[in-house]
């Protein structure tokens, strides 16, 4: 359903029933839209827009609220990426991805340390630091205003929701996060500390100490020095084109941006579904063989996105698919993937794609004792055991091996699409490990080529291929399964949804937004003064 901003709201309130409006003194409500994995998170962002904040403020508020209402997939115990397009000036990608602790090594995992559960699985938690850096660069509302909806949800509780309920069925021990009515007073205190100390509580203060004590008590190696030494990295977004639009997306250590632009460059609006899947297989094979942290290993971005390379991928598609060894051939230099996504835009021209993660559902399954924050298991995003698949079935190369201070390879693909005048038109991204890449691509393609409304686009059945295993994973209702089988693809029907995409688009009439129903999401809106 197309959702548009057509009317004006007299007060910056969540809704007429909300007794706790957040007010940002001296500012008027800002028209805009926020799409997150959970309706209360979207609403937290829209509440900050109504209080006079911009889209960046709104996205940060939605991220904080998500850590309260959707702790299986996000929170201050993780990290993330953002792509920001301001009304004027240059776009920027902000990398606040977790890093390996200084004492990390491949030998620890070879000796039996777990990269998925417990303290050894925890990389340096950096989301709190990154969100403050994002705010310092682009935010307008106070951190107290931004954190207020999340604090209220943590103190007063909230309805469980289908996605959280199913996550708790799988991990019942994580119900220890909550008191009655899903109240989380420990987390409320930590959020308040984040706002009042500008994130220093999570870098050098009591929350950081809580992280370290929890990790080390459970066999990990995190130290206060690891947190104090962390640096957020501003990066230049990757840029490509598709269907007459410019695409701005995340550079390494994300693999998602490169893969998205490879698909966009190897596919046209007329490309068959089979050849589209073939382009995905090439991109995902390149991810495995070439992706990594650019501070530690060269990532041949220019070669992977060179026009000749993309043309070769396009021409390589025949009538039938190939075996896995056909893909990920050596790349010559050119001659000259538990995650949450938030898309937000406002009428002033701000646009932000913000993806945060603790990796798999409830991360390491560790809850910080004093702060109630769930800690990530991002060490599993490294190739901790070369040649063996990680929790998402991804086989990764030596360039993604564990090293102290290194950022693990990621599939997160926050993306902003510009119109012909260079103005932000569409913000899109997803959660779901490697499924992020193909999910983001299919929604982007549908909206740009077919003009599909945002909610219809994010809800449509999808396919996925990640090179290995050599199979198309397809949702039951996807219409192209027979055509893919005819081209030789091993199509395996997946009954459980595997990704959730969020999209916001600016239109002449205002904003439309779509939140993926696979995680029970719903967008929220703010109307102008």
Protein backbone atom coordinates (compact mmCIF):
# COMPACT_ATOMS: atom_id res chain seq x y z
CA UNK A 1 0.00 0.00 0.00
CA UNK A 2 1.30 3.43 -0.91
CA UNK A 3 1.78 5.59 2.18
CA UNK A 4 2.07 9.31 1.58
CA UNK A 5 2.50 12.40 3.69
CA UNK A 6 -0.39 14.61 2.68
CA UNK A 7 -1.47 16.44 5.82
CA UNK A 8 0.00 18.48 8.67
CA UNK A 9 0.30 17.54 12.33
CA UNK A 10 -0.26 20.29 14.93
CA UNK A 11 2.08 18.84 17.57
CA UNK A 12 5.21 16.66 17.61
CA UNK A 13 3.45 13.65 19.14
CA UNK A 14 3.77 9.93 18.46
CA UNK A 15 -0.02 9.72 18.17
CA UNK A 16 -3.06 11.05 19.93
CA UNK A 17 -2.80 8.36 22.61
CA UNK A 18 0.86 8.91 23.42
CA UNK A 19 1.29 10.62 26.80
CA UNK A 20 5.05 11.04 26.36
CA UNK A 21 5.84 13.20 23.33
CA UNK A 22 9.51 14.08 22.94
CA UNK A 23 10.03 17.79 22.37
CA UNK A 24 13.06 19.46 20.83
CA UNK A 25 12.86 23.08 21.91
CA UNK A 26 13.02 25.68 19.17
CA UNK A 27 12.32 23.34 16.26
CA UNK A 28 9.27 22.49 14.21
CA UNK A 29 8.29 18.96 13.17
CA UNK A 30 10.11 17.71 10.09
CA UNK A 31 8.25 15.76 7.43
CA UNK A 32 9.85 12.40 6.73
CA UNK A 33 9.62 8.64 6.95
CA UNK A 34 11.43 5.86 8.83
CA UNK A 35 11.31 2.16 7.96
CA UNK A 36 12.78 -0.32 10.47
CA UNK A 37 12.44 -4.02 11.27
CA UNK A 38 10.01 -3.36 14.14
CA UNK A 39 7.06 -0.90 14.22
CA UNK A 40 8.03 0.57 17.59
CA UNK A 41 11.53 1.27 16.28
CA UNK A 42 10.14 3.03 13.21
CA UNK A 43 7.86 5.02 15.49
CA UNK A 44 10.77 6.04 17.72
CA UNK A 45 12.46 7.54 14.68
CA UNK A 46 9.34 9.34 13.51
CA UNK A 47 8.86 10.69 17.04
CA UNK A 48 12.25 12.39 16.84
CA UNK A 49 11.35 13.85 13.43
CA UNK A 50 8.21 15.28 15.02
CA UNK A 51 10.42 16.77 17.72
CA UNK A 52 12.41 18.65 15.08
CA UNK A 53 15.29 16.25 14.51
CA UNK A 54 16.49 15.31 11.04
CA UNK A 55 16.58 11.90 9.34
CA UNK A 56 19.97 11.08 10.89
CA UNK A 57 18.63 11.77 14.38
CA UNK A 58 15.60 9.64 13.54
CA UNK A 59 17.69 6.71 12.31
CA UNK A 60 19.81 6.77 15.48
CA UNK A 61 16.64 6.82 17.61
CA UNK A 62 15.27 3.87 15.65
CA UNK A 63 18.52 1.97 16.13
CA UNK A 64 18.49 2.54 19.89
CA UNK A 65 14.85 1.51 20.13
CA UNK A 66 15.54 -1.58 18.04
CA UNK A 67 18.05 -2.73 20.63
CA UNK A 68 15.22 -2.63 23.16
CA UNK A 69 12.33 -4.17 21.21
CA UNK A 70 14.32 -6.43 18.86
CA UNK A 71 17.40 -7.44 20.90
CA UNK A 72 17.84 -10.69 19.00
CA UNK A 73 19.14 -8.71 16.02
CA UNK A 74 20.63 -5.44 17.20
CA UNK A 75 21.81 -3.33 20.08
CA UNK A 76 24.69 -1.50 21.72
CA UNK A 77 26.66 -4.75 21.92
CA UNK A 78 27.23 -4.75 18.14
CA UNK A 79 28.39 -2.43 15.36
CA UNK A 80 27.33 -1.24 11.93
CA UNK A 81 27.57 0.85 8.78
CA UNK A 82 25.80 3.95 7.52
CA UNK A 83 25.56 5.73 4.19
CA UNK A 84 24.49 9.36 4.57
CA UNK A 85 23.48 11.81 1.86
CA UNK A 86 23.10 15.37 3.21
CA UNK A 87 21.03 18.10 1.51
CA UNK A 88 24.27 19.78 0.46
CA UNK A 89 27.80 18.52 0.34
CA UNK A 90 29.37 15.13 -0.17
CA UNK A 91 27.82 11.80 0.73
CA UNK A 92 29.72 9.72 3.28
CA UNK A 93 29.91 6.10 4.40
CA UNK A 94 30.58 5.61 8.11
CA UNK A 95 32.22 2.37 9.21
CA UNK A 96 31.69 1.48 12.87
CA UNK A 97 32.09 -2.23 12.33
CA UNK A 98 33.35 -4.29 15.26
CA UNK A 99 37.03 -5.32 15.30
CA UNK A 100 38.94 -8.33 16.62
CA UNK A 101 40.41 -7.79 20.11
CA UNK A 102 44.16 -7.17 20.33
CA UNK A 103 44.78 -10.68 21.69
CA UNK A 104 42.75 -12.45 18.97
CA UNK A 105 44.38 -15.10 16.79
CA UNK A 106 43.53 -17.92 14.41
CA UNK A 107 45.27 -20.32 16.80
CA UNK A 108 42.63 -19.79 19.52
CA UNK A 109 39.89 -21.05 17.20
CA UNK A 110 42.02 -23.87 15.82
CA UNK A 111 42.44 -24.95 19.46
CA UNK A 112 38.68 -25.14 19.92
CA UNK A 113 37.47 -21.65 20.90
CA UNK A 114 33.93 -21.00 19.68
CA UNK A 115 33.29 -18.18 17.21
CA UNK A 116 29.53 -18.39 17.72
CA UNK A 117 28.85 -18.72 21.46
CA UNK A 118 30.36 -17.28 24.62
CA UNK A 119 33.16 -14.83 25.27
CA UNK A 120 35.51 -16.00 22.51
CA UNK A 121 32.86 -15.11 19.93
CA UNK A 122 32.68 -11.44 20.97
CA UNK A 123 34.39 -8.80 18.87
CA UNK A 124 34.88 -5.27 20.24
CA UNK A 125 31.36 -3.74 20.64
CA UNK A 126 31.30 -0.45 18.75
CA UNK A 127 27.72 0.57 17.96
CA UNK A 128 27.49 3.05 20.85
CA UNK A 129 30.70 4.74 19.69
CA UNK A 130 29.61 4.79 16.06
CA UNK A 131 26.17 6.26 16.67
CA UNK A 132 27.70 9.13 18.65
CA UNK A 133 30.18 9.79 15.86
CA UNK A 134 27.32 9.78 13.34
CA UNK A 135 25.42 12.28 15.49
CA UNK A 136 28.41 14.58 15.91
CA UNK A 137 28.82 14.76 12.15
CA UNK A 138 25.20 15.15 11.09
CA UNK A 139 22.76 15.20 14.01
CA UNK A 140 20.75 18.15 15.27
CA UNK A 141 18.55 17.01 18.18
CA UNK A 142 20.17 16.33 21.53
CA UNK A 143 21.26 12.81 22.42
CA UNK A 144 18.79 12.95 25.30
CA UNK A 145 15.95 13.61 22.87
CA UNK A 146 17.15 10.87 20.55
CA UNK A 147 17.45 8.26 23.32
CA UNK A 148 14.14 9.14 25.03
CA UNK A 149 11.86 6.75 23.07
CA UNK A 150 14.21 3.80 23.62
CA UNK A 151 14.54 4.60 27.33
CA UNK A 152 10.77 4.80 27.68
CA UNK A 153 10.30 1.44 25.96
CA UNK A 154 12.94 -0.13 28.20
CA UNK A 155 11.41 1.30 31.38
CA UNK A 156 7.71 0.82 30.59
CA UNK A 157 7.81 -2.35 28.49
CA UNK A 158 6.20 -3.19 25.14
CA UNK A 159 4.24 -5.95 23.36
CA UNK A 160 6.49 -8.86 22.46
CA UNK A 161 5.69 -9.07 18.75
CA UNK A 162 5.86 -12.14 16.53
CA UNK A 163 9.54 -11.95 15.61
CA UNK A 164 10.84 -11.52 19.16
CA UNK A 165 8.49 -14.27 20.36
CA UNK A 166 9.85 -16.70 17.78
CA UNK A 167 13.44 -15.72 18.63
CA UNK A 168 12.78 -16.42 22.33
CA UNK A 169 11.28 -19.81 21.48
CA UNK A 170 14.57 -20.69 19.81
CA UNK A 171 16.69 -19.17 22.61
CA UNK A 172 14.52 -19.32 25.77
CA UNK A 173 17.48 -18.53 28.01
CA UNK A 174 17.47 -14.99 26.58
CA UNK A 175 14.19 -14.25 28.37
CA UNK A 176 16.52 -13.31 31.25
CA UNK A 177 16.76 -9.94 29.48
CA UNK A 178 13.28 -8.99 30.62
CA UNK A 179 11.20 -8.34 33.67
CA UNK A 180 7.40 -8.42 33.42
CA UNK A 181 5.91 -6.73 30.33
CA UNK A 182 9.35 -6.83 28.70
CA UNK A 183 10.73 -4.12 30.93
CA UNK A 184 14.53 -3.71 30.86
CA UNK A 185 15.58 -1.29 33.62
CA UNK A 186 19.28 -2.20 33.28
CA UNK A 187 19.21 -1.30 29.59
CA UNK A 188 17.33 1.94 30.32
CA UNK A 189 20.15 2.95 32.67
CA UNK A 190 22.75 2.14 30.01
CA UNK A 191 20.90 4.15 27.35
CA UNK A 192 20.70 7.09 29.70
CA UNK A 193 24.44 6.80 30.28
CA UNK A 194 25.03 6.69 26.51
CA UNK A 195 23.18 9.98 26.08
CA UNK A 196 24.64 11.84 29.06
CA UNK A 197 28.27 10.78 28.44
CA UNK A 198 28.16 10.99 24.62
CA UNK A 199 28.94 7.29 24.42
CA UNK A 200 31.98 7.37 26.71
CA UNK A 201 30.23 5.04 29.16
CA UNK A 202 30.58 2.35 26.48
CA UNK A 203 34.21 3.19 25.68
CA UNK A 204 35.87 3.97 29.03
CA UNK A 205 33.09 3.97 31.65
CA UNK A 206 30.96 1.53 33.60
CA UNK A 207 29.21 -0.03 30.60
CA UNK A 208 32.60 -0.73 28.98
CA UNK A 209 33.74 -2.36 32.22
CA UNK A 210 30.56 -4.42 32.18
CA UNK A 211 31.30 -5.60 28.62
CA UNK A 212 34.83 -6.63 29.55
CA UNK A 213 33.87 -8.38 32.79
CA UNK A 214 31.09 -10.34 31.07
CA UNK A 215 33.27 -11.41 28.15
CA UNK A 216 36.28 -12.41 30.23
CA UNK A 217 34.15 -14.30 32.74
CA UNK A 218 32.93 -16.38 29.78
CA UNK A 219 36.29 -17.21 28.24
CA UNK A 220 36.87 -14.13 26.07
CA UNK A 221 39.78 -11.73 25.69
CA UNK A 222 38.16 -8.28 25.38
CA UNK A 223 39.94 -5.50 27.31
CA UNK A 224 39.26 -1.90 28.20
CA UNK A 225 42.21 -0.98 25.97
CA UNK A 226 40.41 -2.57 22.99
CA UNK A 227 37.42 -0.28 23.51
CA UNK A 228 39.50 2.85 24.21
CA UNK A 229 41.58 2.34 21.06
CA UNK A 230 38.65 1.91 18.66
CA UNK A 231 38.29 4.40 15.82
CA UNK A 232 35.27 4.97 13.60
CA UNK A 233 36.30 5.12 9.93
CA UNK A 234 34.70 7.61 7.52
CA UNK A 235 34.84 6.20 3.99
CA UNK A 236 33.88 7.23 0.48
CA UNK A 237 30.76 5.44 -0.75
CA UNK A 238 31.02 3.21 -3.78
CA UNK A 239 29.13 4.63 -6.75
CA UNK A 240 27.46 2.82 -9.63
CA UNK A 241 24.48 3.20 -11.93
CA UNK A 242 21.38 1.21 -12.74
CA UNK A 243 18.28 2.08 -14.77
CA UNK A 244 19.34 5.71 -15.06
CA UNK A 245 19.94 6.18 -11.33
CA UNK A 246 23.14 6.62 -9.33
CA UNK A 247 23.64 4.11 -6.52
CA UNK A 248 25.69 5.04 -3.44
CA UNK A 249 26.58 2.07 -1.27
CA UNK A 250 29.00 0.73 1.31
CA UNK A 251 32.67 0.07 0.45
CA UNK A 252 34.89 -2.60 2.09
CA UNK A 253 34.95 -4.06 4.65
CA UNK A 254 31.42 -4.53 3.39
CA UNK A 255 31.20 -7.02 0.57
CA UNK A 256 27.59 -6.04 0.00
CA UNK A 257 28.26 -2.78 -1.82
CA UNK A 258 30.65 -4.34 -4.31
CA UNK A 259 28.30 -7.28 -4.95
CA UNK A 260 25.31 -4.98 -5.40
CA UNK A 261 27.16 -2.84 -7.95
CA UNK A 262 28.47 -5.94 -9.73
CA UNK A 263 24.90 -7.15 -10.17
CA UNK A 264 23.71 -3.70 -11.21
CA UNK A 265 26.48 -3.50 -13.81
CA UNK A 266 25.97 -6.99 -15.18
CA UNK A 267 22.17 -6.78 -15.38
CA UNK A 268 19.85 -4.62 -17.45
CA UNK A 269 16.11 -4.11 -17.00
CA UNK A 270 15.64 -6.72 -19.75
CA UNK A 271 17.94 -9.39 -18.25
CA UNK A 272 16.33 -12.79 -17.65
CA UNK A 273 15.92 -14.15 -14.12
CA UNK A 274 18.41 -16.92 -14.91
CA UNK A 275 21.11 -14.44 -15.94
CA UNK A 276 20.33 -12.30 -12.91
CA UNK A 277 21.02 -15.32 -10.68
CA UNK A 278 24.20 -15.99 -12.65
CA UNK A 279 25.37 -12.44 -11.93
CA UNK A 280 24.68 -13.06 -8.23
CA UNK A 281 26.75 -16.25 -8.32
CA UNK A 282 29.71 -14.38 -9.80
CA UNK A 283 29.36 -11.58 -7.24
CA UNK A 284 29.10 -13.93 -4.26
CA UNK A 285 32.04 -16.03 -5.47
CA UNK A 286 34.10 -12.85 -5.76
CA UNK A 287 32.99 -11.97 -2.23
CA UNK A 288 34.48 -15.22 -0.94
CA UNK A 289 37.75 -14.91 -2.83
CA UNK A 290 38.42 -11.17 -2.67
CA UNK A 291 36.57 -9.58 0.28
CA UNK A 292 38.23 -8.34 3.47
CA UNK A 293 39.30 -5.36 5.57
CA UNK A 294 41.11 -2.91 3.25
CA UNK A 295 43.40 -1.85 6.10
CA UNK A 296 44.85 -5.37 6.20
CA UNK A 297 44.54 -6.77 2.68
CA UNK A 298 44.11 -5.17 -0.76
CA UNK A 299 40.54 -5.42 -2.03
CA UNK A 300 40.52 -5.00 -5.84
CA UNK A 301 37.41 -2.82 -5.95
CA UNK A 302 38.26 -1.15 -9.25
CA UNK A 303 38.95 -4.49 -10.91
CA UNK A 304 35.77 -6.08 -9.62
CA UNK A 305 33.70 -3.13 -10.87
CA UNK A 306 35.61 -2.47 -14.10
CA UNK A 307 33.27 -2.15 -17.14
CA UNK A 308 35.15 -4.91 -18.98
CA UNK A 309 34.74 -7.24 -15.99
CA UNK A 310 31.01 -6.54 -15.73
CA UNK A 311 30.57 -6.98 -19.48
CA UNK A 312 32.34 -10.33 -19.25
CA UNK A 313 30.00 -11.48 -16.49
CA UNK A 314 27.02 -10.36 -18.56
CA UNK A 315 28.29 -12.23 -21.63
CA UNK A 316 29.09 -15.35 -19.59
CA UNK A 317 25.44 -16.24 -19.07
CA UNK A 318 24.39 -19.13 -21.28
CA UNK A 319 21.25 -21.22 -21.45
CA UNK A 320 22.21 -23.21 -18.35
CA UNK A 321 24.08 -22.56 -15.12
CA UNK A 322 27.64 -23.71 -14.39
CA UNK A 323 29.22 -25.70 -11.53
CA UNK A 324 30.77 -23.70 -8.65
CA UNK A 325 34.34 -23.92 -9.94
CA UNK A 326 33.33 -21.82 -12.97
CA UNK A 327 33.01 -18.73 -10.79
CA UNK A 328 35.48 -16.59 -8.78
CA UNK A 329 38.22 -16.71 -11.35
CA UNK A 330 41.30 -14.55 -10.71
CA UNK A 331 40.65 -10.85 -11.15
CA UNK A 332 43.18 -8.80 -13.11
CA UNK A 333 43.66 -5.10 -12.28
CA UNK A 334 41.98 -2.69 -14.70
CA UNK A 335 44.13 -0.93 -17.23
CA UNK A 336 43.42 2.62 -16.40
CA UNK A 337 26.68 -10.08 4.67
CA UNK A 338 21.25 -11.07 13.54
CA UNK A 339 21.13 -7.68 11.86
CA UNK A 340 18.78 -4.73 11.53
CA UNK A 341 18.35 -2.11 8.85
CA UNK A 342 16.82 1.37 9.04
CA UNK A 343 15.99 3.60 6.08
CA UNK A 344 15.11 7.24 6.76
CA UNK A 345 14.52 10.39 4.72
CA UNK A 346 13.21 13.85 5.49
CA UNK A 347 11.82 16.85 3.63
CA UNK A 348 15.02 18.84 4.18
CA UNK A 349 16.86 16.43 1.91
CA UNK A 350 18.62 14.21 4.45
CA UNK A 351 18.79 10.51 3.60
CA UNK A 352 20.42 7.72 5.61
CA UNK A 353 20.75 3.98 5.22
CA UNK A 354 21.83 2.54 8.59
CA UNK A 355 22.53 -1.16 9.13
CA UNK A 356 23.54 -2.46 12.55
CA UNK A 357 24.31 -5.99 13.68
CA UNK A 358 25.19 -8.40 16.46
CA UNK A 359 25.57 -11.11 13.76
CA UNK A 360 23.32 -14.13 14.48
CA UNK A 361 20.18 -14.19 16.63
CA UNK A 362 21.09 -12.90 20.12
CA UNK A 363 24.75 -12.85 19.06
CA UNK A 364 27.04 -14.70 21.49
CA UNK A 365 24.05 -15.40 23.80
CA UNK A 366 25.83 -13.33 26.46
CA UNK A 367 23.96 -10.61 28.37
CA UNK A 368 26.16 -7.98 30.01
CA UNK A 369 25.44 -8.35 33.71
CA UNK A 370 24.99 -4.70 34.76
CA UNK A 371 23.74 -3.08 31.54
CA UNK A 372 21.53 -5.84 30.13
CA UNK A 373 23.10 -5.44 26.67
CA UNK A 374 23.35 -8.47 24.37
CA UNK A 375 26.90 -8.97 23.07
CA UNK A 376 27.72 -9.80 19.47
CA UNK A 377 29.32 -12.92 17.99
CA UNK A 378 30.99 -11.10 15.10
CA UNK A 379 34.14 -13.23 15.35
CA UNK A 380 32.19 -15.76 13.28
CA UNK A 381 32.21 -13.27 10.40
CA UNK A 382 35.94 -13.92 10.15
CA UNK A 383 37.27 -17.05 8.46
CA UNK A 384 38.17 -18.55 11.84
CA UNK A 385 38.70 -21.96 10.23
CA UNK A 386 39.79 -21.66 6.62
CA UNK A 387 37.66 -23.58 4.15
CA UNK A 388 34.84 -24.24 6.62
CA UNK A 389 31.44 -22.50 6.34
CA UNK A 390 30.37 -20.05 9.02
CA UNK A 391 26.90 -19.81 10.60
CA UNK A 392 25.47 -18.49 7.31
CA UNK A 393 27.06 -21.25 5.22
CA UNK A 394 29.62 -18.82 3.77
CA UNK A 395 33.04 -20.17 2.89
CA UNK A 396 35.60 -17.37 3.14
CA UNK A 397 39.23 -16.96 2.20
CA UNK A 398 42.49 -16.25 3.99
CA UNK A 399 42.13 -12.52 3.35
CA UNK A 400 39.35 -12.59 6.01
CA UNK A 401 41.40 -14.49 8.60
CA UNK A 402 41.43 -13.28 12.21
CA UNK A 403 43.96 -10.56 13.05
CA UNK A 404 44.07 -8.11 15.98
CA UNK A 405 42.23 -4.88 15.22
CA UNK A 406 40.82 -6.21 11.95
CA UNK A 407 37.24 -5.68 10.82
CA UNK A 408 35.46 -8.85 9.65
CA UNK A 409 33.95 -9.05 6.19
CA UNK A 410 30.29 -8.05 6.15
CA UNK A 411 27.29 -8.47 3.87
CA UNK A 412 25.56 -5.29 5.08
CA UNK A 413 24.52 -3.20 2.09
CA UNK A 414 23.11 0.21 3.15
CA UNK A 415 22.32 2.03 -0.10
CA UNK A 416 21.01 5.44 -1.20
CA UNK A 417 19.75 6.00 -4.76
CA UNK A 418 19.98 9.44 -6.38
CA UNK A 419 17.71 10.85 -9.06
CA UNK A 420 18.89 12.58 -12.22
CA UNK A 421 19.45 15.82 -10.30
CA UNK A 422 21.69 14.18 -7.73
CA UNK A 423 19.05 14.32 -5.00
CA UNK A 424 18.35 11.35 -2.73
CA UNK A 425 15.31 9.50 -4.05
CA UNK A 426 15.38 6.05 -2.43
CA UNK A 427 16.97 4.55 0.69
CA UNK A 428 17.15 0.75 0.94
CA UNK A 429 18.92 -1.97 2.90
CA UNK A 430 18.25 -5.20 4.74
CA UNK A 431 19.01 -7.60 7.57
CA UNK A 432 19.73 -11.29 7.11
CA UNK A 433 23.43 -12.13 6.66
CA UNK A 434 24.35 -12.83 3.02
CA UNK A 435 20.65 -12.69 2.12
CA UNK A 436 21.01 -8.92 2.64
CA UNK A 437 22.72 -8.53 -0.71
CA UNK A 438 20.20 -10.34 -2.90
CA UNK A 439 17.24 -8.98 -0.94
CA UNK A 440 18.42 -5.38 -1.30
CA UNK A 441 19.09 -5.94 -4.98
CA UNK A 442 15.65 -7.39 -5.76
CA UNK A 443 13.77 -4.60 -3.97
CA UNK A 444 15.93 -1.92 -5.59
CA UNK A 445 15.45 -3.44 -9.05
CA UNK A 446 11.69 -3.79 -8.62
CA UNK A 447 11.24 -0.20 -7.45
CA UNK A 448 13.50 1.37 -10.10
CA UNK A 449 12.52 -0.74 -13.11
CA UNK A 450 8.87 -1.52 -12.44
CA UNK A 451 7.93 1.42 -10.24
CA UNK A 452 6.72 -1.01 -7.59
CA UNK A 453 5.46 0.72 -4.43
CA UNK A 454 7.81 0.31 -1.49
CA UNK A 455 5.60 -1.92 0.66
CA UNK A 456 4.76 -4.20 -2.25
CA UNK A 457 8.43 -4.42 -3.24
CA UNK A 458 9.73 -5.41 0.20
CA UNK A 459 6.92 -7.94 0.70
CA UNK A 460 7.35 -9.74 -2.64
CA UNK A 461 8.72 -13.34 -2.62
CA UNK A 462 12.48 -13.54 -3.19
CA UNK A 463 15.29 -15.86 -4.25
CA UNK A 464 18.88 -16.09 -3.02
CA UNK A 465 22.13 -17.58 -4.28
CA UNK A 466 25.49 -17.24 -2.52
CA UNK A 467 27.64 -19.42 -4.84
CA UNK A 468 28.19 -22.07 -2.13
CA UNK A 469 26.13 -24.07 -1.43
CA UNK A 470 25.40 -24.34 -5.16
CA UNK A 471 21.65 -23.86 -4.92
CA UNK A 472 18.98 -21.24 -5.37
CA UNK A 473 17.16 -20.77 -2.07
CA UNK A 474 13.67 -19.61 -2.94
CA UNK A 475 10.60 -18.65 -1.01
CA UNK A 476 7.56 -20.81 -1.67
CA UNK A 477 5.54 -18.19 -3.55
CA UNK A 478 8.37 -17.00 -5.82
CA UNK A 479 7.08 -17.19 -9.40
CA UNK A 480 10.37 -17.94 -11.17
CA UNK A 481 11.26 -21.32 -9.69
CA UNK A 482 10.29 -23.37 -12.78
CA UNK A 483 12.31 -21.11 -15.10
CA UNK A 484 15.36 -21.47 -12.86
CA UNK A 485 15.03 -25.26 -12.78
CA UNK A 486 14.82 -25.27 -16.57
CA UNK A 487 18.18 -23.47 -16.66
CA UNK A 488 19.77 -26.18 -14.52
CA UNK A 489 19.60 -24.50 -11.12
CA UNK A 490 19.09 -26.58 -8.01
CA UNK A 491 16.08 -24.75 -6.54
CA UNK A 492 15.42 -25.43 -2.87
CA UNK A 493 12.23 -24.06 -1.38
CA UNK A 494 12.72 -22.33 1.97
CA UNK A 495 9.64 -22.03 4.12
CA UNK A 496 11.21 -19.69 6.69
CA UNK A 497 11.80 -16.10 5.50
CA UNK A 498 15.48 -15.29 5.32
CA UNK A 499 15.85 -11.53 5.05
CA UNK A 500 13.98 -8.31 5.82
CA UNK A 501 14.28 -5.23 3.60
CA UNK A 502 13.34 -1.65 4.53
CA UNK A 503 12.81 1.08 1.95
CA UNK A 504 11.84 4.77 1.90
CA UNK A 505 11.25 6.71 -1.32
CA UNK A 506 10.67 10.40 -1.92
CA UNK A 507 7.83 11.16 -4.33
CA UNK A 508 6.27 14.36 -5.62
CA UNK A 509 3.45 13.86 -3.10
CA UNK A 510 5.69 13.22 -0.10
CA UNK A 511 7.20 9.96 1.12
CA UNK A 512 6.27 6.32 0.76
CA UNK A 513 7.89 3.60 2.82
CA UNK A 514 7.87 -0.16 3.15
CA UNK A 515 8.89 -2.35 6.09
CA UNK A 516 9.31 -6.04 5.44
CA UNK A 517 6.44 -8.13 6.86
CA UNK A 518 8.83 -11.07 7.31
CA UNK A 519 9.91 -9.55 10.64
CA UNK A 520 6.61 -7.83 11.37
CA UNK A 521 7.91 -4.37 10.51
CA UNK A 522 5.90 -1.25 9.73
CA UNK A 523 7.09 2.21 8.69
CA UNK A 524 6.28 5.43 10.52
CA UNK A 525 5.86 8.98 9.30
CA UNK A 526 6.19 12.55 10.44
CA UNK A 527 4.16 15.34 8.86
CA UNK A 528 5.50 18.82 8.43
CA UNK A 529 4.51 21.90 10.42
